Full PDB file with SEQRES, HELIX, SHEET, SSBOND, CRYST1, ORIGX, SCALE, CONECT and MASTER records, all heavy atoms in Angstrom:
SEQRES   1 A   34  GLN LEU GLN PRO GLY ASP ILE LEU VAL VAL ASP LEU PHE          
SEQRES   2 A   34  GLY LYS ASP GLU TYR GLY THR PHE VAL GLY ASP ASN LEU          
SEQRES   3 A   34  ALA TYR TYR ILE MET GLN LYS THR                              
HELIX    1 AA1 ASP A   24  LYS A   33  1                                  10    
CRYST1    1.000    1.000    1.000  90.00  90.00  90.00 P 1           1          
ORIGX1      1.000000  0.000000  0.000000        0.00000                         
ORIGX2      0.000000  1.000000  0.000000        0.00000                         
ORIGX3      0.000000  0.000000  1.000000        0.00000                         
SCALE1      1.000000  0.000000  0.000000        0.00000                         
SCALE2      0.000000  1.000000  0.000000        0.00000                         
SCALE3      0.000000  0.000000  1.000000        0.00000                         
ATOM      1  N   GLN A   1      83.799  97.988 118.154  1.00  0.00           N  
ATOM      2  CA  GLN A   1      83.681  96.635 118.640  1.00  0.00           C  
ATOM      3  C   GLN A   1      84.944  95.774 118.474  1.00  0.00           C  
ATOM      4  O   GLN A   1      84.896  94.612 118.896  1.00  0.00           O  
ATOM      5  CB  GLN A   1      82.464  95.953 117.966  1.00  0.00           C  
ATOM      6  CG  GLN A   1      81.164  96.688 118.203  1.00  0.00           C  
ATOM      7  CD  GLN A   1      79.969  95.967 117.571  1.00  0.00           C  
ATOM      8  OE1 GLN A   1      79.692  94.837 117.898  1.00  0.00           O  
ATOM      9  NE2 GLN A   1      79.310  96.642 116.670  1.00  0.00           N  
ATOM     10  N   LEU A   2      85.954  96.339 117.892  1.00  0.00           N  
ATOM     11  CA  LEU A   2      87.197  95.551 117.624  1.00  0.00           C  
ATOM     12  C   LEU A   2      87.882  95.245 118.936  1.00  0.00           C  
ATOM     13  O   LEU A   2      87.849  96.020 119.942  1.00  0.00           O  
ATOM     14  CB  LEU A   2      88.131  96.329 116.734  1.00  0.00           C  
ATOM     15  CG  LEU A   2      87.601  96.557 115.281  1.00  0.00           C  
ATOM     16  CD1 LEU A   2      88.565  97.429 114.521  1.00  0.00           C  
ATOM     17  CD2 LEU A   2      87.399  95.229 114.593  1.00  0.00           C  
ATOM     18  N   GLN A   3      88.626  94.135 118.945  1.00  0.00           N  
ATOM     19  CA  GLN A   3      89.372  93.699 120.126  1.00  0.00           C  
ATOM     20  C   GLN A   3      90.865  93.470 119.734  1.00  0.00           C  
ATOM     21  O   GLN A   3      91.147  93.367 118.552  1.00  0.00           O  
ATOM     22  CB  GLN A   3      88.854  92.334 120.614  1.00  0.00           C  
ATOM     23  CG  GLN A   3      87.312  92.354 120.993  1.00  0.00           C  
ATOM     24  CD  GLN A   3      86.870  91.030 121.448  1.00  0.00           C  
ATOM     25  OE1 GLN A   3      87.386  90.435 122.390  1.00  0.00           O  
ATOM     26  NE2 GLN A   3      85.771  90.550 120.845  1.00  0.00           N  
ATOM     27  N   PRO A   4      91.739  93.394 120.742  1.00  0.00           N  
ATOM     28  CA  PRO A   4      93.150  93.089 120.443  1.00  0.00           C  
ATOM     29  C   PRO A   4      93.285  91.823 119.604  1.00  0.00           C  
ATOM     30  O   PRO A   4      92.618  90.822 119.851  1.00  0.00           O  
ATOM     31  CB  PRO A   4      93.792  92.942 121.803  1.00  0.00           C  
ATOM     32  CG  PRO A   4      92.953  93.768 122.688  1.00  0.00           C  
ATOM     33  CD  PRO A   4      91.489  93.561 122.155  1.00  0.00           C  
ATOM     34  N   GLY A   5      94.111  91.943 118.530  1.00  0.00           N  
ATOM     35  CA  GLY A   5      94.339  90.770 117.603  1.00  0.00           C  
ATOM     36  C   GLY A   5      93.404  90.702 116.464  1.00  0.00           C  
ATOM     37  O   GLY A   5      93.621  89.877 115.561  1.00  0.00           O  
ATOM     38  N   ASP A   6      92.366  91.537 116.406  1.00  0.00           N  
ATOM     39  CA  ASP A   6      91.427  91.554 115.334  1.00  0.00           C  
ATOM     40  C   ASP A   6      92.037  92.279 114.114  1.00  0.00           C  
ATOM     41  O   ASP A   6      92.819  93.236 114.276  1.00  0.00           O  
ATOM     42  CB  ASP A   6      90.156  92.274 115.713  1.00  0.00           C  
ATOM     43  CG  ASP A   6      89.266  91.508 116.613  1.00  0.00           C  
ATOM     44  OD1 ASP A   6      89.451  90.244 116.792  1.00  0.00           O  
ATOM     45  OD2 ASP A   6      88.324  92.072 117.183  1.00  0.00           O  
ATOM     46  N   ILE A   7      91.651  91.820 112.911  1.00  0.00           N  
ATOM     47  CA  ILE A   7      91.936  92.562 111.688  1.00  0.00           C  
ATOM     48  C   ILE A   7      90.600  92.762 110.984  1.00  0.00           C  
ATOM     49  O   ILE A   7      89.920  91.806 110.644  1.00  0.00           O  
ATOM     50  CB  ILE A   7      92.885  91.784 110.758  1.00  0.00           C  
ATOM     51  CG1 ILE A   7      94.216  91.681 111.393  1.00  0.00           C  
ATOM     52  CG2 ILE A   7      92.976  92.448 109.431  1.00  0.00           C  
ATOM     53  CD1 ILE A   7      95.285  90.957 110.571  1.00  0.00           C  
ATOM     54  N   LEU A   8      90.235  94.019 110.755  1.00  0.00           N  
ATOM     55  CA  LEU A   8      89.039  94.366 110.141  1.00  0.00           C  
ATOM     56  C   LEU A   8      89.240  94.221 108.624  1.00  0.00           C  
ATOM     57  O   LEU A   8      90.117  94.836 108.014  1.00  0.00           O  
ATOM     58  CB  LEU A   8      88.573  95.771 110.516  1.00  0.00           C  
ATOM     59  CG  LEU A   8      87.238  96.246 109.967  1.00  0.00           C  
ATOM     60  CD1 LEU A   8      86.153  95.282 110.370  1.00  0.00           C  
ATOM     61  CD2 LEU A   8      86.953  97.692 110.527  1.00  0.00           C  
ATOM     62  N   VAL A   9      88.375  93.360 108.026  1.00  0.00           N  
ATOM     63  CA  VAL A   9      88.431  93.182 106.565  1.00  0.00           C  
ATOM     64  C   VAL A   9      87.172  93.750 105.996  1.00  0.00           C  
ATOM     65  O   VAL A   9      86.053  93.214 106.286  1.00  0.00           O  
ATOM     66  CB  VAL A   9      88.596  91.666 106.207  1.00  0.00           C  
ATOM     67  CG1 VAL A   9      88.581  91.398 104.684  1.00  0.00           C  
ATOM     68  CG2 VAL A   9      89.908  91.122 106.771  1.00  0.00           C  
ATOM     69  N   VAL A  10      87.275  94.769 105.145  1.00  0.00           N  
ATOM     70  CA  VAL A  10      86.105  95.537 104.772  1.00  0.00           C  
ATOM     71  C   VAL A  10      85.897  95.443 103.220  1.00  0.00           C  
ATOM     72  O   VAL A  10      86.764  95.676 102.392  1.00  0.00           O  
ATOM     73  CB  VAL A  10      86.355  97.071 105.003  1.00  0.00           C  
ATOM     74  CG1 VAL A  10      85.054  97.861 104.681  1.00  0.00           C  
ATOM     75  CG2 VAL A  10      86.687  97.221 106.553  1.00  0.00           C  
ATOM     76  N   ASP A  11      84.694  94.957 102.895  1.00  0.00           N  
ATOM     77  CA  ASP A  11      84.252  94.886 101.503  1.00  0.00           C  
ATOM     78  C   ASP A  11      83.485  96.198 101.165  1.00  0.00           C  
ATOM     79  O   ASP A  11      82.414  96.360 101.552  1.00  0.00           O  
ATOM     80  CB  ASP A  11      83.372  93.722 101.307  1.00  0.00           C  
ATOM     81  CG  ASP A  11      82.739  93.603  99.870  1.00  0.00           C  
ATOM     82  OD1 ASP A  11      83.203  94.435  98.997  1.00  0.00           O  
ATOM     83  OD2 ASP A  11      81.921  92.784  99.640  1.00  0.00           O  
ATOM     84  N   LEU A  12      84.254  97.067 100.511  1.00  0.00           N  
ATOM     85  CA  LEU A  12      83.644  98.334 100.088  1.00  0.00           C  
ATOM     86  C   LEU A  12      83.556  98.374  98.477  1.00  0.00           C  
ATOM     87  O   LEU A  12      83.633  99.405  97.887  1.00  0.00           O  
ATOM     88  CB  LEU A  12      84.459  99.522 100.578  1.00  0.00           C  
ATOM     89  CG  LEU A  12      83.789 100.428 101.570  1.00  0.00           C  
ATOM     90  CD1 LEU A  12      84.779 101.412 102.199  1.00  0.00           C  
ATOM     91  CD2 LEU A  12      82.650 101.206 100.932  1.00  0.00           C  
ATOM     92  N   PHE A  13      83.388  97.152  97.976  1.00  0.00           N  
ATOM     93  CA  PHE A  13      83.188  96.942  96.557  1.00  0.00           C  
ATOM     94  C   PHE A  13      84.121  97.779  95.654  1.00  0.00           C  
ATOM     95  O   PHE A  13      83.792  98.202  94.586  1.00  0.00           O  
ATOM     96  CB  PHE A  13      81.708  97.097  96.100  1.00  0.00           C  
ATOM     97  CG  PHE A  13      81.063  98.383  96.510  1.00  0.00           C  
ATOM     98  CD1 PHE A  13      80.952  99.467  95.623  1.00  0.00           C  
ATOM     99  CD2 PHE A  13      80.452  98.572  97.762  1.00  0.00           C  
ATOM    100  CE1 PHE A  13      80.386 100.689  95.959  1.00  0.00           C  
ATOM    101  CE2 PHE A  13      79.851  99.728  98.085  1.00  0.00           C  
ATOM    102  CZ  PHE A  13      79.802 100.773  97.200  1.00  0.00           C  
ATOM    103  N   GLY A  14      85.408  97.970  96.125  1.00  0.00           N  
ATOM    104  CA  GLY A  14      86.384  98.699  95.326  1.00  0.00           C  
ATOM    105  C   GLY A  14      86.136 100.197  95.114  1.00  0.00           C  
ATOM    106  O   GLY A  14      86.725 100.817  94.276  1.00  0.00           O  
ATOM    107  N   LYS A  15      85.261 100.764  95.885  1.00  0.00           N  
ATOM    108  CA  LYS A  15      84.848 102.114  95.729  1.00  0.00           C  
ATOM    109  C   LYS A  15      86.002 103.111  96.083  1.00  0.00           C  
ATOM    110  O   LYS A  15      86.664 102.940  97.090  1.00  0.00           O  
ATOM    111  CB  LYS A  15      83.657 102.488  96.642  1.00  0.00           C  
ATOM    112  CG  LYS A  15      83.037 103.830  96.393  1.00  0.00           C  
ATOM    113  CD  LYS A  15      81.740 103.966  97.235  1.00  0.00           C  
ATOM    114  CE  LYS A  15      81.171 105.366  97.208  1.00  0.00           C  
ATOM    115  NZ  LYS A  15      80.701 105.751  95.823  1.00  0.00           N  
ATOM    116  N   ASP A  16      86.244 104.127  95.222  1.00  0.00           N  
ATOM    117  CA  ASP A  16      87.286 105.103  95.513  1.00  0.00           C  
ATOM    118  C   ASP A  16      86.658 106.406  96.073  1.00  0.00           C  
ATOM    119  O   ASP A  16      86.735 106.612  97.251  1.00  0.00           O  
ATOM    120  CB  ASP A  16      88.028 105.421  94.214  1.00  0.00           C  
ATOM    121  CG  ASP A  16      88.919 104.284  93.719  1.00  0.00           C  
ATOM    122  OD1 ASP A  16      89.183 103.395  94.571  1.00  0.00           O  
ATOM    123  OD2 ASP A  16      89.233 104.251  92.595  1.00  0.00           O  
ATOM    124  N   GLU A  17      86.063 107.236  95.232  1.00  0.00           N  
ATOM    125  CA  GLU A  17      85.455 108.451  95.614  1.00  0.00           C  
ATOM    126  C   GLU A  17      84.326 108.165  96.541  1.00  0.00           C  
ATOM    127  O   GLU A  17      83.434 107.357  96.248  1.00  0.00           O  
ATOM    128  CB  GLU A  17      84.962 109.248  94.414  1.00  0.00           C  
ATOM    129  CG  GLU A  17      84.417 110.619  94.781  1.00  0.00           C  
ATOM    130  CD  GLU A  17      84.088 111.468  93.523  1.00  0.00           C  
ATOM    131  OE1 GLU A  17      84.129 110.907  92.406  1.00  0.00           O  
ATOM    132  OE2 GLU A  17      83.712 112.618  93.706  1.00  0.00           O  
ATOM    133  N   TYR A  18      84.322 108.778  97.698  1.00  0.00           N  
ATOM    134  CA  TYR A  18      83.346 108.556  98.773  1.00  0.00           C  
ATOM    135  C   TYR A  18      83.341 107.117  99.249  1.00  0.00           C  
ATOM    136  O   TYR A  18      82.352 106.684  99.860  1.00  0.00           O  
ATOM    137  CB  TYR A  18      81.908 109.016  98.371  1.00  0.00           C  
ATOM    138  CG  TYR A  18      81.884 110.505  98.022  1.00  0.00           C  
ATOM    139  CD1 TYR A  18      81.619 110.965  96.782  1.00  0.00           C  
ATOM    140  CD2 TYR A  18      82.096 111.428  99.039  1.00  0.00           C  
ATOM    141  CE1 TYR A  18      81.564 112.287  96.442  1.00  0.00           C  
ATOM    142  CE2 TYR A  18      82.003 112.798  98.734  1.00  0.00           C  
ATOM    143  CZ  TYR A  18      81.815 113.214  97.455  1.00  0.00           C  
ATOM    144  OH  TYR A  18      81.746 114.564  97.156  1.00  0.00           O  
ATOM    145  N   GLY A  19      84.386 106.421  98.993  1.00  0.00           N  
ATOM    146  CA  GLY A  19      84.517 105.050  99.503  1.00  0.00           C  
ATOM    147  C   GLY A  19      85.655 104.873 100.485  1.00  0.00           C  
ATOM    148  O   GLY A  19      86.214 103.817 100.612  1.00  0.00           O  
ATOM    149  N   THR A  20      85.969 105.942 101.223  1.00  0.00           N  
ATOM    150  CA  THR A  20      87.135 106.026 102.074  1.00  0.00           C  
ATOM    151  C   THR A  20      86.703 105.531 103.486  1.00  0.00           C  
ATOM    152  O   THR A  20      86.128 106.281 104.302  1.00  0.00           O  
ATOM    153  CB  THR A  20      87.703 107.404 102.203  1.00  0.00           C  
ATOM    154  OG1 THR A  20      86.662 108.351 102.474  1.00  0.00           O  
ATOM    155  CG2 THR A  20      88.314 107.841 100.881  1.00  0.00           C  
ATOM    156  N   PHE A  21      87.044 104.306 103.860  1.00  0.00           N  
ATOM    157  CA  PHE A  21      86.574 103.685 105.086  1.00  0.00           C  
ATOM    158  C   PHE A  21      87.109 104.431 106.294  1.00  0.00           C  
ATOM    159  O   PHE A  21      86.373 104.633 107.280  1.00  0.00           O  
ATOM    160  CB  PHE A  21      86.902 102.203 105.144  1.00  0.00           C  
ATOM    161  CG  PHE A  21      86.502 101.534 106.375  1.00  0.00           C  
ATOM    162  CD1 PHE A  21      85.120 101.247 106.528  1.00  0.00           C  
ATOM    163  CD2 PHE A  21      87.328 101.260 107.392  1.00  0.00           C  
ATOM    164  CE1 PHE A  21      84.700 100.624 107.706  1.00  0.00           C  
ATOM    165  CE2 PHE A  21      86.943 100.630 108.511  1.00  0.00           C  
ATOM    166  CZ  PHE A  21      85.579 100.304 108.726  1.00  0.00           C  
ATOM    167  N   VAL A  22      88.367 104.817 106.280  1.00  0.00           N  
ATOM    168  CA  VAL A  22      88.934 105.590 107.407  1.00  0.00           C  
ATOM    169  C   VAL A  22      89.874 106.659 106.870  1.00  0.00           C  
ATOM    170  O   VAL A  22      90.422 106.518 105.764  1.00  0.00           O  
ATOM    171  CB  VAL A  22      89.754 104.616 108.334  1.00  0.00           C  
ATOM    172  CG1 VAL A  22      88.870 103.700 109.061  1.00  0.00           C  
ATOM    173  CG2 VAL A  22      90.881 103.948 107.612  1.00  0.00           C  
ATOM    174  N   GLY A  23      90.038 107.680 107.734  1.00  0.00           N  
ATOM    175  CA  GLY A  23      91.162 108.651 107.582  1.00  0.00           C  
ATOM    176  C   GLY A  23      92.203 108.345 108.680  1.00  0.00           C  
ATOM    177  O   GLY A  23      92.139 107.295 109.312  1.00  0.00           O  
ATOM    178  N   ASP A  24      93.108 109.336 108.897  1.00  0.00           N  
ATOM    179  CA  ASP A  24      94.160 109.008 109.834  1.00  0.00           C  
ATOM    180  C   ASP A  24      93.690 108.859 111.287  1.00  0.00           C  
ATOM    181  O   ASP A  24      94.257 108.124 112.056  1.00  0.00           O  
ATOM    182  CB  ASP A  24      95.284 110.021 109.718  1.00  0.00           C  
ATOM    183  CG  ASP A  24      94.863 111.447 109.913  1.00  0.00           C  
ATOM    184  OD1 ASP A  24      93.601 111.683 110.034  1.00  0.00           O  
ATOM    185  OD2 ASP A  24      95.718 112.402 109.931  1.00  0.00           O  
ATOM    186  N   ASN A  25      92.646 109.605 111.718  1.00  0.00           N  
ATOM    187  CA  ASN A  25      92.175 109.508 113.036  1.00  0.00           C  
ATOM    188  C   ASN A  25      91.592 108.128 113.384  1.00  0.00           C  
ATOM    189  O   ASN A  25      91.996 107.580 114.390  1.00  0.00           O  
ATOM    190  CB  ASN A  25      91.117 110.649 113.338  1.00  0.00           C  
ATOM    191  CG  ASN A  25      91.746 112.033 113.432  1.00  0.00           C  
ATOM    192  OD1 ASN A  25      92.893 112.182 113.921  1.00  0.00           O  
ATOM    193  ND2 ASN A  25      91.105 113.048 112.975  1.00  0.00           N  
ATOM    194  N   LEU A  26      90.662 107.674 112.549  1.00  0.00           N  
ATOM    195  CA  LEU A  26      90.100 106.362 112.785  1.00  0.00           C  
ATOM    196  C   LEU A  26      91.087 105.262 112.627  1.00  0.00           C  
ATOM    197  O   LEU A  26      91.000 104.253 113.330  1.00  0.00           O  
ATOM    198  CB  LEU A  26      88.828 106.157 111.901  1.00  0.00           C  
ATOM    199  CG  LEU A  26      87.593 106.964 112.303  1.00  0.00           C  
ATOM    200  CD1 LEU A  26      86.452 106.647 111.380  1.00  0.00           C  
ATOM    201  CD2 LEU A  26      87.185 106.638 113.750  1.00  0.00           C  
ATOM    202  N   ALA A  27      92.030 105.454 111.696  1.00  0.00           N  
ATOM    203  CA  ALA A  27      93.036 104.404 111.465  1.00  0.00           C  
ATOM    204  C   ALA A  27      93.921 104.296 112.697  1.00  0.00           C  
ATOM    205  O   ALA A  27      94.298 103.219 113.181  1.00  0.00           O  
ATOM    206  CB  ALA A  27      93.911 104.704 110.264  1.00  0.00           C  
ATOM    207  N   TYR A  28      94.240 105.492 113.334  1.00  0.00           N  
ATOM    208  CA  TYR A  28      95.034 105.466 114.536  1.00  0.00           C  
ATOM    209  C   TYR A  28      94.274 104.748 115.710  1.00  0.00           C  
ATOM    210  O   TYR A  28      94.829 103.966 116.452  1.00  0.00           O  
ATOM    211  CB  TYR A  28      95.401 106.898 114.961  1.00  0.00           C  
ATOM    212  CG  TYR A  28      96.357 106.972 116.081  1.00  0.00           C  
ATOM    213  CD1 TYR A  28      97.734 106.796 115.877  1.00  0.00           C  
ATOM    214  CD2 TYR A  28      95.930 107.164 117.403  1.00  0.00           C  
ATOM    215  CE1 TYR A  28      98.587 106.864 116.926  1.00  0.00           C  
ATOM    216  CE2 TYR A  28      96.784 107.234 118.467  1.00  0.00           C  
ATOM    217  CZ  TYR A  28      98.178 107.089 118.236  1.00  0.00           C  
ATOM    218  OH  TYR A  28      99.032 107.134 119.277  1.00  0.00           O  
ATOM    219  N   TYR A  29      92.950 105.008 115.784  1.00  0.00           N  
ATOM    220  CA  TYR A  29      92.140 104.336 116.775  1.00  0.00           C  
ATOM    221  C   TYR A  29      92.128 102.850 116.599  1.00  0.00           C  
ATOM    222  O   TYR A  29      92.246 102.111 117.585  1.00  0.00           O  
ATOM    223  CB  TYR A  29      90.679 104.911 116.682  1.00  0.00           C  
ATOM    224  CG  TYR A  29      89.742 104.389 117.656  1.00  0.00           C  
ATOM    225  CD1 TYR A  29      89.979 104.405 119.070  1.00  0.00           C  
ATOM    226  CD2 TYR A  29      88.537 103.783 117.272  1.00  0.00           C  
ATOM    227  CE1 TYR A  29      89.083 103.932 119.977  1.00  0.00           C  
ATOM    228  CE2 TYR A  29      87.583 103.321 118.144  1.00  0.00           C  
ATOM    229  CZ  TYR A  29      87.858 103.359 119.509  1.00  0.00           C  
ATOM    230  OH  TYR A  29      86.956 102.936 120.435  1.00  0.00           O  
ATOM    231  N   ILE A  30      92.074 102.382 115.334  1.00  0.00           N  
ATOM    232  CA  ILE A  30      92.163 100.925 115.071  1.00  0.00           C  
ATOM    233  C   ILE A  30      93.432 100.369 115.559  1.00  0.00           C  
ATOM    234  O   ILE A  30      93.504  99.297 116.149  1.00  0.00           O  
ATOM    235  CB  ILE A  30      91.822 100.677 113.565  1.00  0.00           C  
ATOM    236  CG1 ILE A  30      90.486 100.987 113.145  1.00  0.00           C  
ATOM    237  CG2 ILE A  30      92.252  99.219 113.203  1.00  0.00           C  
ATOM    238  CD1 ILE A  30      90.211 100.890 111.671  1.00  0.00           C  
ATOM    239  N   MET A  31      94.578 101.047 115.249  1.00  0.00           N  
ATOM    240  CA  MET A  31      95.864 100.637 115.671  1.00  0.00           C  
ATOM    241  C   MET A  31      95.905 100.483 117.157  1.00  0.00           C  
ATOM    242  O   MET A  31      96.459  99.516 117.676  1.00  0.00           O  
ATOM    243  CB  MET A  31      96.903 101.584 115.202  1.00  0.00           C  
ATOM    244  CG  MET A  31      98.341 101.173 115.566  1.00  0.00           C  
ATOM    245  SD  MET A  31      99.632 102.273 114.863  1.00  0.00           S  
ATOM    246  CE  MET A  31      99.274 103.824 115.741  1.00  0.00           C  
ATOM    247  N   GLN A  32      95.386 101.433 117.917  1.00  0.00           N  
ATOM    248  CA  GLN A  32      95.400 101.392 119.355  1.00  0.00           C  
ATOM    249  C   GLN A  32      94.506 100.231 119.919  1.00  0.00           C  
ATOM    250  O   GLN A  32      94.888  99.629 120.876  1.00  0.00           O  
ATOM    251  CB  GLN A  32      94.956 102.755 119.927  1.00  0.00           C  
ATOM    252  CG  GLN A  32      95.918 103.885 119.659  1.00  0.00           C  
ATOM    253  CD  GLN A  32      97.292 103.643 120.197  1.00  0.00           C  
ATOM    254  OE1 GLN A  32      97.461 103.312 121.335  1.00  0.00           O  
ATOM    255  NE2 GLN A  32      98.309 103.792 119.382  1.00  0.00           N  
ATOM    256  N   LYS A  33      93.381 100.026 119.294  1.00  0.00           N  
ATOM    257  CA  LYS A  33      92.452  98.970 119.744  1.00  0.00           C  
ATOM    258  C   LYS A  33      92.942  97.579 119.464  1.00  0.00           C  
ATOM    259  O   LYS A  33      92.791  96.641 120.282  1.00  0.00           O  
ATOM    260  CB  LYS A  33      91.095  99.140 119.166  1.00  0.00           C  
ATOM    261  CG  LYS A  33      90.350 100.374 119.651  1.00  0.00           C  
ATOM    262  CD  LYS A  33      88.808 100.100 119.600  1.00  0.00           C  
ATOM    263  CE  LYS A  33      88.379  99.085 120.613  1.00  0.00           C  
ATOM    264  NZ  LYS A  33      86.872  98.965 120.674  1.00  0.00           N  
ATOM    265  N   THR A  34      93.554  97.366 118.268  1.00  0.00           N  
ATOM    266  CA  THR A  34      93.805  95.954 117.833  1.00  0.00           C  
ATOM    267  C   THR A  34      95.272  95.613 117.939  1.00  0.00           C  
ATOM    268  O   THR A  34      95.568  94.423 118.071  1.00  0.00           O  
ATOM    269  CB  THR A  34      93.286  95.764 116.407  1.00  0.00           C  
ATOM    270  OG1 THR A  34      94.068  96.525 115.494  1.00  0.00           O  
ATOM    271  CG2 THR A  34      91.804  96.132 116.251  1.00  0.00           C  
TER     272      THR A  34                                                      
MASTER        0    0    0    1    0    0    0    6  271    1    0    3          
END                                                                             
């Protein structure tokens, strides 16, 4: 649902293990969208 100019700010309560919001594929998709 992101649009150009958006910055996604994610509260994942500081979780490390199994708290990985994105890997390189989804991060690249975010870069292309926003």
